[in-house]
Amino acid sequence: MVEKLNEILSQGFGIWEVIGFIGLVTFSSRFIIQWIASEKKKESVIPVSFWYLSIVGSLCLLGYAIARADPIFILSYLFNGLIYGRNLFFVYSKKRQEG
């Protein structure tokens, strides 16, 4: 197991691996943002930045999945952006109605 990991790491990273890591970090960071926002308000909160991080992270991961030609990984991220975009639409629609 350790030998396989060393072999993978010794090959270096190409552009798609960099994009994949950026997507992973971006997508994962949204939970930290959500946690911090909830702690500040002492209730469950989903800040707008959560949805932007979701879109950017899932698009990077989708690009990486396509580059790797992994059909399961592609299907995992193929439609996420639509759902996150729809949530942003709801957020801004509500703000317009209140403003």
Protein backbone atom coordinates (compact mmCIF):
# COMPACT_ATOMS: atom_id res chain seq x y z
CA MET A 1 0.00 0.00 0.00
CA VAL A 2 2.74 2.47 0.98
CA GLU A 3 4.80 1.42 -2.05
CA LYS A 4 1.85 2.11 -4.37
CA LEU A 5 1.33 5.55 -2.80
CA ASN A 6 5.04 6.36 -3.19
CA GLU A 7 4.87 5.25 -6.82
CA ILE A 8 1.89 7.50 -7.51
CA LEU A 9 3.45 10.50 -5.76
CA SER A 10 6.82 10.05 -7.47
CA GLN A 11 5.18 10.39 -10.90
CA GLY A 12 4.31 14.01 -10.19
CA PHE A 13 1.10 15.82 -10.94
CA GLY A 14 -0.26 16.93 -14.28
CA ILE A 15 -2.71 19.73 -14.90
CA TRP A 16 -5.74 17.48 -14.36
CA GLU A 17 -4.47 16.27 -11.01
CA VAL A 18 -3.98 19.91 -9.97
CA ILE A 19 -7.52 20.73 -11.12
CA GLY A 20 -8.81 17.68 -9.25
CA PHE A 21 -7.07 18.71 -6.03
CA ILE A 22 -8.32 22.30 -6.37
CA GLY A 23 -11.84 20.95 -6.87
CA LEU A 24 -11.54 18.67 -3.87
CA VAL A 25 -10.23 21.43 -1.59
CA THR A 26 -12.82 23.92 -2.84
CA PHE A 27 -15.70 21.47 -2.55
CA SER A 28 -14.61 20.35 0.93
CA SER A 29 -14.02 23.89 2.21
CA ARG A 30 -17.70 24.71 1.85
CA PHE A 31 -18.44 22.63 4.94
CA ILE A 32 -15.93 24.64 6.98
CA ILE A 33 -17.57 27.88 5.79
CA GLN A 34 -21.01 26.50 6.70
CA TRP A 35 -19.79 25.37 10.12
CA ILE A 36 -18.24 28.77 10.92
CA ALA A 37 -21.39 30.64 9.81
CA SER A 38 -23.58 28.34 11.91
CA GLU A 39 -21.36 28.72 14.98
CA LYS A 40 -21.54 32.51 14.72
CA LYS A 41 -25.35 32.50 14.57
CA LYS A 42 -25.79 29.54 16.91
CA GLU A 43 -28.14 27.93 14.38
CA SER A 44 -27.83 26.01 11.14
CA VAL A 45 -26.97 28.49 8.39
CA ILE A 46 -26.01 27.99 4.76
CA PRO A 47 -24.18 31.10 3.53
CA VAL A 48 -24.26 32.09 -0.16
CA SER A 49 -20.54 31.29 -0.42
CA PHE A 50 -21.43 27.64 0.29
CA TRP A 51 -23.26 27.45 -3.05
CA TYR A 52 -20.48 29.19 -4.99
CA LEU A 53 -17.87 26.85 -3.52
CA SER A 54 -20.17 23.95 -4.38
CA ILE A 55 -20.41 25.03 -8.02
CA VAL A 56 -16.69 25.71 -8.48
CA GLY A 57 -15.62 22.55 -6.67
CA SER A 58 -18.04 20.28 -8.48
CA LEU A 59 -17.13 21.74 -11.90
CA CYS A 60 -13.42 21.18 -11.22
CA LEU A 61 -14.13 17.63 -10.08
CA LEU A 62 -16.35 17.03 -13.10
CA GLY A 63 -13.56 18.22 -15.39
CA TYR A 64 -11.11 15.92 -13.65
CA ALA A 65 -13.56 12.99 -13.89
CA ILE A 66 -14.04 13.61 -17.62
CA ALA A 67 -10.27 13.81 -18.15
CA ARG A 68 -9.89 10.49 -16.32
CA ALA A 69 -12.83 9.01 -18.30
CA ASP A 70 -14.39 7.65 -15.12
CA PRO A 71 -18.13 7.20 -15.79
CA ILE A 72 -19.11 6.77 -12.14
CA PHE A 73 -17.19 9.86 -11.09
CA ILE A 74 -18.67 11.81 -14.05
CA LEU A 75 -22.23 10.89 -13.09
CA SER A 76 -21.49 11.85 -9.48
CA TYR A 77 -20.83 15.49 -10.46
CA LEU A 78 -22.68 15.88 -13.78
CA PHE A 79 -25.85 17.53 -12.47
CA ASN A 80 -24.67 19.05 -9.18
CA GLY A 81 -24.02 22.47 -10.70
CA LEU A 82 -27.66 22.73 -11.77
CA ILE A 83 -28.88 22.07 -8.24
CA TYR A 84 -26.41 24.52 -6.69
CA GLY A 85 -27.30 27.14 -9.31
CA ARG A 86 -30.98 26.68 -8.54
CA ASN A 87 -30.30 27.24 -4.85
CA LEU A 88 -28.49 30.49 -5.71
CA PHE A 89 -31.52 31.50 -7.78
CA PHE A 90 -33.74 30.95 -4.72
CA VAL A 91 -31.39 32.96 -2.50
CA TYR A 92 -31.32 35.96 -4.84
CA SER A 93 -35.05 35.74 -5.62
CA LYS A 94 -35.81 35.95 -1.91
CA LYS A 95 -33.45 38.91 -1.48
CA ARG A 96 -35.17 40.75 -4.36
CA GLN A 97 -38.60 40.13 -2.84
CA GLU A 98 -37.46 41.35 0.57
CA GLY A 99 -35.62 44.38 -0.86
